[in-house]
Amino acid sequence: MTTPICDFVTEYCLSRKVRLHMPGHKGAALHGLEPFDITEIAGAGYLYDNEGIISESESNAALLFGSGRTLYSTEGSSLSIKTMLAIAATALKEEGKRPLILASRNAHKAFLDAACLLDLDVSFIMQSAPSPSLCQCFITPKDVKAAIESLETKPTAVFVTSPDYMGSILDIKGIKEVCREYSLPLLVDNAHGAYLKFLQKSLHPLDMGADMCCDSAHKTLPVYTGGGYLHINANADKRFFDDPKGLMSIFASTSPSYIIMQSLDFCNKVLSNEFPTLLENALPKADKAKQEIADMGYALIGKEPMKITIMPQSYGYTGNELADHLRENDIEPEYSDPYAVVLMVSPYNSDEDYERLLFALSLLPRKKAIEGMPIMLPKPIQRVSIRKAMLSKPRRINVDEAEGLICARTAVSCQPSIPIAVAGEEITGEIIKILKRYGIFEIGVL
């Protein structure tokens, strides 16, 4: 697999040309990567053009993922989500009708930002059973079908998150069958699942029928933070291919990072060579670690192969307490909240990493189980549009004073930036309890 971006930048570094262009460091190796950090000089291409070395590298990625087209993002899945929604809303726009997106409630904040910028209406698919985390919204094809049929008007598209932050994977193939029945495109936030393509039996949304999906390459592949993909299925609506880069450029920086692009470019070479074998060898290690953790008495959730999500309440600890314990033993988890600790592993974790994790978990004495009800977000009451609420001038108040008022700024717990109260929704007593549970004590209201 060729690496046209890396080759160009390396050749430029070796040429020792005088750099009378941005960036200001001029290639001086102050931090280490500066010689490779360039801008849109002659021959380097531009991320939002449809030709040149960047486009060539993207074509390599498209071959690897089996897409009709793959676009790079240097701003993670956040940029790709906005672009994906813009593509669908633009291509499928009907005269006199506002675009309506049917989405799982655990949609990322970037989805809601896009709804504001594009002035989309949103209807949420609510899960039918309580969840141990805001990050989960384990919806089924049956749930999607019921949500479609409950709407007075046909939605523009269906948007779901899979895998979610907790490691749950939806039945994308089944959901796509429902979408096909109603002639709706399926858009998938696959930020945590880029590597699923390279399992012996792919679980990637593209192979399950998604029309478009985004991958945060940096989350699970050897790519620098910020590197991501937007994939368009070869079988998707042909209008989706009209001008995806032009739409991406609306939301993106005009100075995309060439360091990140080189990382994506080099990753193509890794994916086409050793990565599938490395992944295959890593799977048994992750499975073994999960089994040993379960044998200690910890509860685990999620079916994603390379994610370990521990629910330690039955062991006598909150998720945040367990995370603090791990940090005391020089182990940094991906995420924790009152209920869970999320650990992300990859083929690049060593055997020693697993040994240290298991040893640290073994140090904790088991205590009396913590009683706690799983979360069940109430069905939202939308009072004004997301755009109108988010572009208003809010006033900040204590959440205890917010009942009955309208949320002006989407309230999220960061990470993982999953909404508790969405802009434009009425704040209820139930919502206030959940906000406080996640450490949010002030909120912007209209």
Protein backbone atom coordinates (compact mmCIF):
# COMPACT_ATOMS: atom_id res chain seq x y z
CA MET A 1 0.00 0.00 0.00
CA THR A 2 1.45 3.37 -1.01
CA THR A 3 1.85 6.32 1.37
CA PRO A 4 1.73 9.39 -0.89
CA ILE A 5 1.34 12.00 1.88
CA CYS A 6 4.18 10.60 3.99
CA ASP A 7 6.41 10.28 0.92
CA PHE A 8 5.81 13.88 -0.12
CA VAL A 9 6.50 15.32 3.34
CA THR A 10 9.62 13.19 3.82
CA GLU A 11 10.97 14.33 0.46
CA TYR A 12 10.24 17.92 1.37
CA CYS A 13 12.09 17.57 4.69
CA LEU A 14 15.12 16.08 2.95
CA SER A 15 15.16 18.86 0.34
CA ARG A 16 16.09 21.41 3.03
CA LYS A 17 14.13 24.13 1.27
CA VAL A 18 13.87 27.51 2.94
CA ARG A 19 10.46 27.56 4.66
CA LEU A 20 9.00 30.99 4.03
CA HIS A 21 5.52 29.68 4.72
CA MET A 22 3.49 28.64 7.75
CA PRO A 23 3.89 27.24 10.43
CA GLY A 24 6.01 29.60 12.47
CA HIS A 25 8.40 26.95 13.81
CA LYS A 26 9.93 26.63 10.29
CA GLY A 27 10.69 22.97 10.82
CA ALA A 28 12.96 23.47 13.82
CA ALA A 29 12.73 20.30 15.89
CA LEU A 30 11.71 21.94 19.17
CA HIS A 31 9.25 19.26 20.18
CA GLY A 32 10.27 16.64 17.63
CA LEU A 33 7.64 16.51 14.89
CA GLU A 34 8.05 20.06 13.56
CA PRO A 35 10.01 19.11 10.39
CA PHE A 36 6.99 17.05 9.28
CA ASP A 37 4.43 19.71 10.15
CA ILE A 38 3.71 21.58 6.93
CA THR A 39 0.87 23.53 5.38
CA GLU A 40 -0.73 23.58 1.90
CA ILE A 41 2.49 24.18 -0.06
CA ALA A 42 2.79 23.38 -3.76
CA GLY A 43 2.23 19.68 -4.34
CA ALA A 44 0.91 18.98 -0.84
CA GLY A 45 -2.71 19.11 -1.94
CA TYR A 46 -5.65 20.33 0.12
CA LEU A 47 -7.86 18.12 2.25
CA TYR A 48 -11.07 19.45 0.73
CA ASP A 49 -10.01 19.03 -2.92
CA ASN A 50 -10.95 15.96 -4.94
CA GLU A 51 -7.51 15.31 -6.41
CA GLY A 52 -3.86 15.19 -5.39
CA ILE A 53 -1.88 13.15 -2.90
CA ILE A 54 -4.51 13.41 -0.14
CA SER A 55 -7.24 12.16 -2.44
CA GLU A 56 -4.92 9.33 -3.52
CA SER A 57 -4.37 8.33 0.10
CA GLU A 58 -8.13 8.47 0.79
CA SER A 59 -8.67 6.13 -2.16
CA ASN A 60 -6.28 3.67 -0.50
CA ALA A 61 -8.36 3.85 2.68
CA ALA A 62 -11.56 3.33 0.68
CA LEU A 63 -10.09 0.11 -0.75
CA LEU A 64 -9.19 -1.11 2.74
CA PHE A 65 -12.64 -0.39 4.17
CA GLY A 66 -14.55 -1.42 1.06
CA SER A 67 -16.39 1.92 0.81
CA GLY A 68 -17.67 3.77 -2.21
CA ARG A 69 -15.72 6.74 -0.93
CA THR A 70 -13.72 7.54 2.19
CA LEU A 71 -12.87 11.05 3.35
CA TYR A 72 -10.24 11.91 5.94
CA SER A 73 -11.02 14.08 8.94
CA THR A 74 -8.36 15.77 11.05
CA GLU A 75 -11.05 16.76 13.56
CA GLY A 76 -12.19 13.28 14.53
CA SER A 77 -15.71 11.94 14.21
CA SER A 78 -17.10 15.29 15.34
CA LEU A 79 -16.41 16.72 11.88
CA SER A 80 -17.54 13.54 10.13
CA ILE A 81 -20.87 13.49 12.01
CA LYS A 82 -21.64 17.06 10.95
CA THR A 83 -20.67 16.27 7.36
CA MET A 84 -22.68 13.05 7.28
CA LEU A 85 -25.82 14.87 8.40
CA ALA A 86 -25.20 17.72 5.94
CA ILE A 87 -24.85 15.22 3.09
CA ALA A 88 -28.11 13.47 3.98
CA ALA A 89 -30.04 16.69 4.65
CA THR A 90 -28.82 18.32 1.42
CA ALA A 91 -29.28 15.31 -0.84
CA LEU A 92 -32.72 14.36 0.49
CA LYS A 93 -34.14 17.82 1.06
CA GLU A 94 -37.80 18.16 0.11
CA GLU A 95 -39.33 21.48 -0.82
CA GLY A 96 -41.26 22.99 2.06
CA LYS A 97 -40.26 20.25 4.51
CA ARG A 98 -37.80 20.55 7.37
CA PRO A 99 -35.28 17.68 7.60
CA LEU A 100 -36.11 15.32 10.46
CA ILE A 101 -33.51 12.90 11.84
CA LEU A 102 -34.59 9.92 13.93
CA ALA A 103 -31.73 9.26 16.33
CA SER A 104 -30.79 7.08 19.29
CA ARG A 105 -30.76 9.14 22.49
CA ASN A 106 -27.07 8.50 23.15
CA ALA A 107 -26.07 10.56 20.11
CA HIS A 108 -22.85 12.50 20.64
CA LYS A 109 -22.84 16.25 21.29
CA ALA A 110 -21.48 16.73 17.74
CA PHE A 111 -24.79 15.38 16.43
CA LEU A 112 -26.70 18.07 18.35
CA ASP A 113 -24.25 20.75 17.24
CA ALA A 114 -24.96 19.68 13.66
CA ALA A 115 -28.70 19.81 14.31
CA CYS A 116 -28.24 23.42 15.45
CA LEU A 117 -26.02 24.46 12.54
CA LEU A 118 -28.17 22.73 9.91
CA ASP A 119 -31.47 23.58 11.65
CA LEU A 120 -32.60 19.95 11.76
CA ASP A 121 -35.52 18.59 13.69
CA VAL A 122 -34.68 15.57 15.83
CA SER A 123 -36.86 12.80 17.20
CA PHE A 124 -35.19 10.42 19.63
CA ILE A 125 -35.49 6.65 19.76
CA MET A 126 -35.80 5.82 23.45
CA GLN A 127 -34.71 2.45 24.80
CA SER A 128 -37.38 0.33 26.40
CA ALA A 129 -35.37 -0.83 29.43
CA PRO A 130 -33.23 1.00 32.02
CA SER A 131 -29.51 1.28 31.34
CA PRO A 132 -26.53 1.40 33.69
CA SER A 133 -25.16 4.38 31.76
CA LEU A 134 -26.17 7.44 29.77
CA CYS A 135 -23.79 6.21 27.10
CA GLN A 136 -25.95 3.21 26.38
CA CYS A 137 -29.09 3.24 24.29
CA PHE A 138 -29.53 -0.39 23.37
CA ILE A 139 -32.21 -0.13 20.72
CA THR A 140 -33.42 -2.98 18.53
CA PRO A 141 -34.78 -3.09 14.97
CA LYS A 142 -38.22 -3.39 16.56
CA ASP A 143 -37.61 -0.15 18.50
CA VAL A 144 -36.56 1.63 15.30
CA LYS A 145 -39.62 0.39 13.43
CA ALA A 146 -41.94 1.52 16.22
CA ALA A 147 -40.26 4.94 16.33
CA ILE A 148 -40.65 5.43 12.57
CA GLU A 149 -44.31 4.48 12.68
CA SER A 150 -44.97 6.81 15.62
CA LEU A 151 -43.94 9.88 13.62
CA GLU A 152 -46.49 12.01 11.82
CA THR A 153 -44.03 12.70 8.99
CA LYS A 154 -41.43 10.46 7.40
CA PRO A 155 -37.92 11.13 8.72
CA THR A 156 -35.05 12.08 6.44
CA ALA A 157 -32.67 9.51 7.92
CA VAL A 158 -32.00 7.24 10.90
CA PHE A 159 -28.90 7.92 13.01
CA VAL A 160 -27.56 5.45 15.61
CA THR A 161 -24.42 5.00 17.69
CA SER A 162 -22.69 1.61 17.54
CA PRO A 163 -20.53 0.60 19.31
CA ASP A 164 -21.39 2.89 22.17
CA TYR A 165 -18.99 4.10 24.84
CA MET A 166 -19.80 1.10 27.03
CA GLY A 167 -18.97 -1.42 24.30
CA SER A 168 -22.50 -2.41 23.25
CA ILE A 169 -22.96 -3.21 19.56
CA LEU A 170 -26.34 -2.78 17.91
CA ASP A 171 -27.93 -5.07 15.34
CA ILE A 172 -26.97 -2.79 12.47
CA LYS A 173 -27.95 -5.35 9.86
CA GLY A 174 -31.43 -5.68 11.37
CA ILE A 175 -31.84 -1.91 11.73
CA LYS A 176 -30.79 -1.47 8.10
CA GLU A 177 -33.50 -3.93 7.02
CA VAL A 178 -36.07 -1.75 8.80
CA CYS A 179 -34.64 1.38 7.16
CA ARG A 180 -34.82 -0.32 3.76
CA GLU A 181 -38.49 -1.14 4.35
CA TYR A 182 -39.20 2.59 4.74
CA SER A 183 -36.65 3.77 2.11
CA LEU A 184 -34.55 5.56 4.73
CA PRO A 185 -30.75 5.87 4.81
CA LEU A 186 -28.98 4.57 7.90
CA LEU A 187 -26.19 6.71 9.34
CA VAL A 188 -23.94 5.22 12.03
CA ASP A 189 -21.62 6.87 14.51
CA ASN A 190 -18.96 4.16 14.57
CA ALA A 191 -16.39 6.34 16.31
CA HIS A 192 -15.28 3.49 18.58
CA GLY A 193 -15.33 0.75 15.96
CA ALA A 194 -12.85 1.44 13.15
CA TYR A 195 -10.99 -1.77 14.00
CA LEU A 196 -14.12 -3.90 13.59
CA LYS A 197 -13.42 -4.00 9.85
CA PHE A 198 -10.24 -5.99 10.47
CA LEU A 199 -11.68 -8.82 12.52
CA GLN A 200 -11.70 -12.16 10.69
CA LYS A 201 -15.45 -11.64 10.33
CA SER A 202 -16.04 -7.92 9.92
CA LEU A 203 -18.51 -6.22 12.25
CA HIS A 204 -18.02 -2.82 10.63
CA PRO A 205 -21.25 -0.89 9.91
CA LEU A 206 -20.40 -0.63 6.21
CA ASP A 207 -20.45 -4.41 5.96
CA MET A 208 -23.70 -4.48 7.92
CA GLY A 209 -25.37 -2.18 5.38
CA ALA A 210 -24.94 1.35 6.78
CA ASP A 211 -25.25 4.00 4.07
CA MET A 212 -22.72 6.26 5.79
CA CYS A 213 -20.65 5.98 8.92
CA CYS A 214 -17.84 7.76 10.70
CA ASP A 215 -14.83 6.16 12.36
CA SER A 216 -12.49 7.85 14.82
CA ALA A 217 -9.33 6.17 13.60
CA HIS A 218 -7.38 7.51 16.59
CA LYS A 219 -9.59 5.68 19.08
CA THR A 220 -8.77 2.11 18.03
CA LEU A 221 -6.14 2.27 15.26
CA PRO A 222 -2.49 3.48 15.33
CA VAL A 223 -3.36 7.07 14.34
CA TYR A 224 -2.70 10.41 16.02
CA THR A 225 -5.51 12.03 17.99
CA GLY A 226 -7.94 13.78 15.65
CA GLY A 227 -7.58 11.35 12.75
CA GLY A 228 -10.88 10.02 11.46
CA TYR A 229 -12.82 8.75 8.45
CA LEU A 230 -16.17 9.43 6.84
CA HIS A 231 -17.25 6.43 4.76
CA ILE A 232 -19.97 6.45 2.12
CA ASN A 233 -21.26 3.01 1.14
CA ALA A 234 -20.90 2.17 -2.55
CA ASN A 235 -24.61 1.22 -2.51
CA ALA A 236 -25.75 4.47 -0.88
CA ASP A 237 -27.93 7.06 -2.61
CA LYS A 238 -25.87 8.40 -5.52
CA ARG A 239 -26.65 11.96 -4.44
CA PHE A 240 -24.48 11.39 -1.36
CA PHE A 241 -21.43 11.44 -3.66
CA ASP A 242 -22.21 14.83 -5.25
CA ASP A 243 -20.03 17.12 -3.13
CA PRO A 244 -19.09 15.56 0.23
CA LYS A 245 -15.81 17.47 0.52
CA GLY A 246 -17.48 20.78 -0.17
CA LEU A 247 -19.94 20.08 2.63
CA MET A 248 -17.16 18.94 4.98
CA SER A 249 -15.26 22.18 4.37
CA ILE A 250 -18.22 24.18 5.73
CA PHE A 251 -17.60 22.86 9.25
CA ALA A 252 -13.85 22.26 9.15
CA SER A 253 -10.70 24.23 9.81
CA THR A 254 -9.01 25.63 6.71
CA SER A 255 -5.72 24.52 8.27
CA PRO A 256 -6.05 20.73 8.62
CA SER A 257 -3.10 19.04 10.33
CA TYR A 258 -0.63 17.39 7.97
CA ILE A 259 0.78 15.50 10.93
CA ILE A 260 -2.61 13.83 11.40
CA MET A 261 -2.98 13.23 7.66
CA GLN A 262 0.42 11.55 7.53
CA SER A 263 -0.68 9.37 10.42
CA LEU A 264 -3.83 8.33 8.51
CA ASP A 265 -1.76 7.79 5.38
CA PHE A 266 0.79 5.57 7.14
CA CYS A 267 -2.01 3.68 8.89
CA ASN A 268 -3.17 2.44 5.46
CA LYS A 269 0.15 0.66 5.13
CA VAL A 270 -0.18 -0.86 8.61
CA LEU A 271 -3.77 -1.97 7.96
CA SER A 272 -2.83 -3.61 4.68
CA ASN A 273 0.04 -5.51 6.31
CA GLU A 274 0.44 -6.51 9.94
CA PHE A 275 -2.59 -5.04 11.73
CA PRO A 276 -5.13 -7.84 11.06
CA THR A 277 -2.66 -10.40 12.44
CA LEU A 278 -1.83 -8.22 15.44
CA LEU A 279 -5.54 -7.81 16.12
CA GLU A 280 -6.20 -11.54 15.81
CA ASN A 281 -3.41 -12.23 18.32
CA ALA A 282 -4.72 -9.57 20.71
CA LEU A 283 -8.29 -10.85 20.89
CA PRO A 284 -7.51 -13.90 23.10
CA LYS A 285 -5.59 -11.65 25.51
CA ALA A 286 -8.55 -9.31 25.88
CA ASP A 287 -10.94 -12.25 26.29
CA LYS A 288 -8.70 -13.84 28.92
CA ALA A 289 -8.48 -10.57 30.86
CA LYS A 290 -12.27 -10.21 30.81
CA GLN A 291 -12.69 -13.76 32.08
CA GLU A 292 -10.18 -13.27 34.91
CA ILE A 293 -11.85 -10.00 35.93
CA ALA A 294 -15.24 -11.72 35.94
CA ASP A 295 -13.78 -14.58 37.99
CA MET A 296 -12.72 -12.04 40.62
CA GLY A 297 -16.39 -11.13 40.99
CA TYR A 298 -16.57 -7.92 38.95
CA ALA A 299 -19.56 -7.47 36.64
CA LEU A 300 -18.81 -6.71 32.98
CA ILE A 301 -21.02 -5.41 30.18
CA GLY A 302 -20.65 -4.96 26.43
CA LYS A 303 -19.76 -7.28 23.58
CA GLU A 304 -17.18 -5.13 21.84
CA PRO A 305 -14.03 -7.31 21.61
CA MET A 306 -11.40 -4.72 22.55
CA LYS A 307 -13.22 -2.85 25.28
CA ILE A 308 -13.42 -3.87 28.95
CA THR A 309 -16.31 -2.21 30.77
CA ILE A 310 -16.50 -2.95 34.49
CA MET A 311 -19.61 -2.28 36.57
CA PRO A 312 -18.11 -2.40 40.11
CA GLN A 313 -21.19 -1.58 42.20
CA SER A 314 -21.84 -5.26 42.88
CA TYR A 315 -18.24 -5.44 44.12
CA GLY A 316 -18.87 -2.56 46.52
CA TYR A 317 -17.37 0.39 44.62
CA THR A 318 -18.56 3.17 42.36
CA GLY A 319 -17.02 3.48 38.93
CA ASN A 320 -15.21 6.63 39.97
CA GLU A 321 -13.78 4.93 43.08
CA LEU A 322 -12.46 2.06 41.00
CA ALA A 323 -10.96 4.50 38.48
CA ASP A 324 -9.17 6.33 41.30
CA HIS A 325 -7.78 3.03 42.54
CA LEU A 326 -6.46 2.21 39.10
CA ARG A 327 -4.80 5.62 38.84
CA GLU A 328 -3.13 5.05 42.21
CA ASN A 329 -1.61 1.97 40.57
CA ASP A 330 -0.45 3.94 37.51
CA ILE A 331 -3.25 2.75 35.24
CA GLU A 332 -5.26 5.41 33.42
CA PRO A 333 -8.76 4.30 32.34
CA GLU A 334 -10.61 5.74 29.36
CA TYR A 335 -13.64 6.83 31.34
CA SER A 336 -15.51 6.44 34.60
CA ASP A 337 -18.81 7.56 36.08
CA PRO A 338 -20.76 6.53 39.18
CA TYR A 339 -21.59 3.19 37.56
CA ALA A 340 -18.81 2.11 35.20
CA VAL A 341 -15.15 2.10 34.31
CA VAL A 342 -14.27 1.83 30.63
CA LEU A 343 -10.90 0.38 29.61
CA MET A 344 -9.87 0.45 25.94
CA VAL A 345 -7.23 -2.03 24.81
CA SER A 346 -5.59 -2.54 21.43
CA PRO A 347 -3.02 -4.82 19.77
CA TYR A 348 -0.37 -2.42 21.03
CA ASN A 349 -0.99 -3.16 24.71
CA SER A 350 1.71 -5.42 26.13
CA ASP A 351 1.28 -8.57 28.22
CA GLU A 352 2.65 -6.55 31.13
CA ASP A 353 -0.20 -4.03 30.72
CA TYR A 354 -2.74 -6.79 31.26
CA GLU A 355 -0.79 -8.23 34.19
CA ARG A 356 -0.67 -4.84 35.93
CA LEU A 357 -4.39 -4.32 35.39
CA LEU A 358 -5.31 -7.71 36.83
CA PHE A 359 -2.97 -7.26 39.78
CA ALA A 360 -4.41 -3.82 40.59
CA LEU A 361 -7.98 -5.17 40.48
CA SER A 362 -6.99 -8.07 42.73
CA LEU A 363 -5.82 -5.65 45.43
CA LEU A 364 -9.29 -4.35 46.19
CA PRO A 365 -11.18 -6.17 48.94
CA ARG A 366 -14.76 -6.99 48.05
CA LYS A 367 -17.30 -4.95 49.99
CA LYS A 368 -21.06 -4.84 50.37
CA ALA A 369 -22.75 -4.23 47.05
CA ILE A 370 -23.87 -0.67 46.35
CA GLU A 371 -27.54 -0.46 45.58
CA GLY A 372 -28.46 1.82 42.72
CA MET A 373 -31.15 2.06 40.11
CA PRO A 374 -30.11 1.97 36.45
CA ILE A 375 -30.79 5.11 34.46
CA MET A 376 -34.00 5.54 32.51
CA LEU A 377 -34.07 8.90 30.75
CA PRO A 378 -37.64 10.17 30.49
CA LYS A 379 -39.17 10.77 27.08
CA PRO A 380 -38.12 14.32 26.18
CA ILE A 381 -40.56 17.21 25.90
CA GLN A 382 -39.31 19.44 23.07
CA ARG A 383 -40.52 23.02 23.56
CA VAL A 384 -38.48 24.91 20.94
CA SER A 385 -36.09 23.88 18.16
CA ILE A 386 -32.53 22.91 19.01
CA ARG A 387 -31.24 25.77 16.86
CA LYS A 388 -33.42 28.42 18.49
CA ALA A 389 -32.44 27.27 21.98
CA MET A 390 -28.71 26.94 21.29
CA LEU A 391 -28.45 30.34 19.61
CA SER A 392 -30.31 32.09 22.40
CA LYS A 393 -28.68 34.03 25.23
CA PRO A 394 -28.97 31.72 28.23
CA ARG A 395 -29.01 32.49 31.89
CA ARG A 396 -27.11 30.17 34.23
CA ILE A 397 -28.99 28.87 37.25
CA ASN A 398 -28.71 26.12 39.82
CA VAL A 399 -30.25 22.91 38.47
CA ASP A 400 -32.56 22.72 41.49
CA GLU A 401 -34.25 25.88 40.20
CA ALA A 402 -34.59 24.63 36.61
CA GLU A 403 -37.66 22.38 36.77
CA GLY A 404 -40.21 23.37 34.15
CA LEU A 405 -37.79 25.65 32.30
CA ILE A 406 -36.32 25.13 28.82
CA CYS A 407 -32.73 23.96 28.39
CA ALA A 408 -30.70 26.48 26.37
CA ARG A 409 -27.41 24.61 26.08
CA THR A 410 -27.23 20.86 25.71
CA ALA A 411 -26.06 19.51 29.08
CA VAL A 412 -23.45 16.79 28.78
CA SER A 413 -21.00 14.99 30.99
CA CYS A 414 -17.54 15.24 29.40
CA GLN A 415 -16.30 12.81 28.48
CA PRO A 416 -18.20 11.18 26.74
CA SER A 417 -20.34 14.16 25.68
CA ILE A 418 -23.66 12.29 25.68
CA PRO A 419 -26.68 14.54 26.34
CA ILE A 420 -28.68 14.49 29.54
CA ALA A 421 -30.81 17.49 28.65
CA VAL A 422 -30.96 18.62 25.02
CA ALA A 423 -31.29 22.26 24.02
CA GLY A 424 -34.94 23.15 23.55
CA GLU A 425 -36.24 20.46 25.91
CA GLU A 426 -38.16 21.02 29.11
CA ILE A 427 -36.13 20.26 32.23
CA THR A 428 -38.05 17.86 34.44
CA GLY A 429 -37.47 16.68 37.99
CA GLU A 430 -36.20 13.35 36.69
CA ILE A 431 -33.67 15.11 34.44
CA ILE A 432 -32.47 17.21 37.38
CA LYS A 433 -31.75 14.07 39.43
CA ILE A 434 -29.64 12.63 36.59
CA LEU A 435 -27.79 15.91 36.03
CA LYS A 436 -26.75 15.98 39.68
CA ARG A 437 -25.78 12.33 39.59
CA TYR A 438 -23.29 13.19 36.84
CA GLY A 439 -21.91 16.22 38.66
CA ILE A 440 -23.78 18.92 36.75
CA PHE A 441 -25.15 21.50 39.20
CA GLU A 442 -25.62 24.52 36.94
CA ILE A 443 -27.44 24.73 33.63
CA GLY A 444 -28.22 27.34 30.98
CA VAL A 445 -31.94 27.99 30.50
CA LEU A 446 -34.06 30.26 28.32
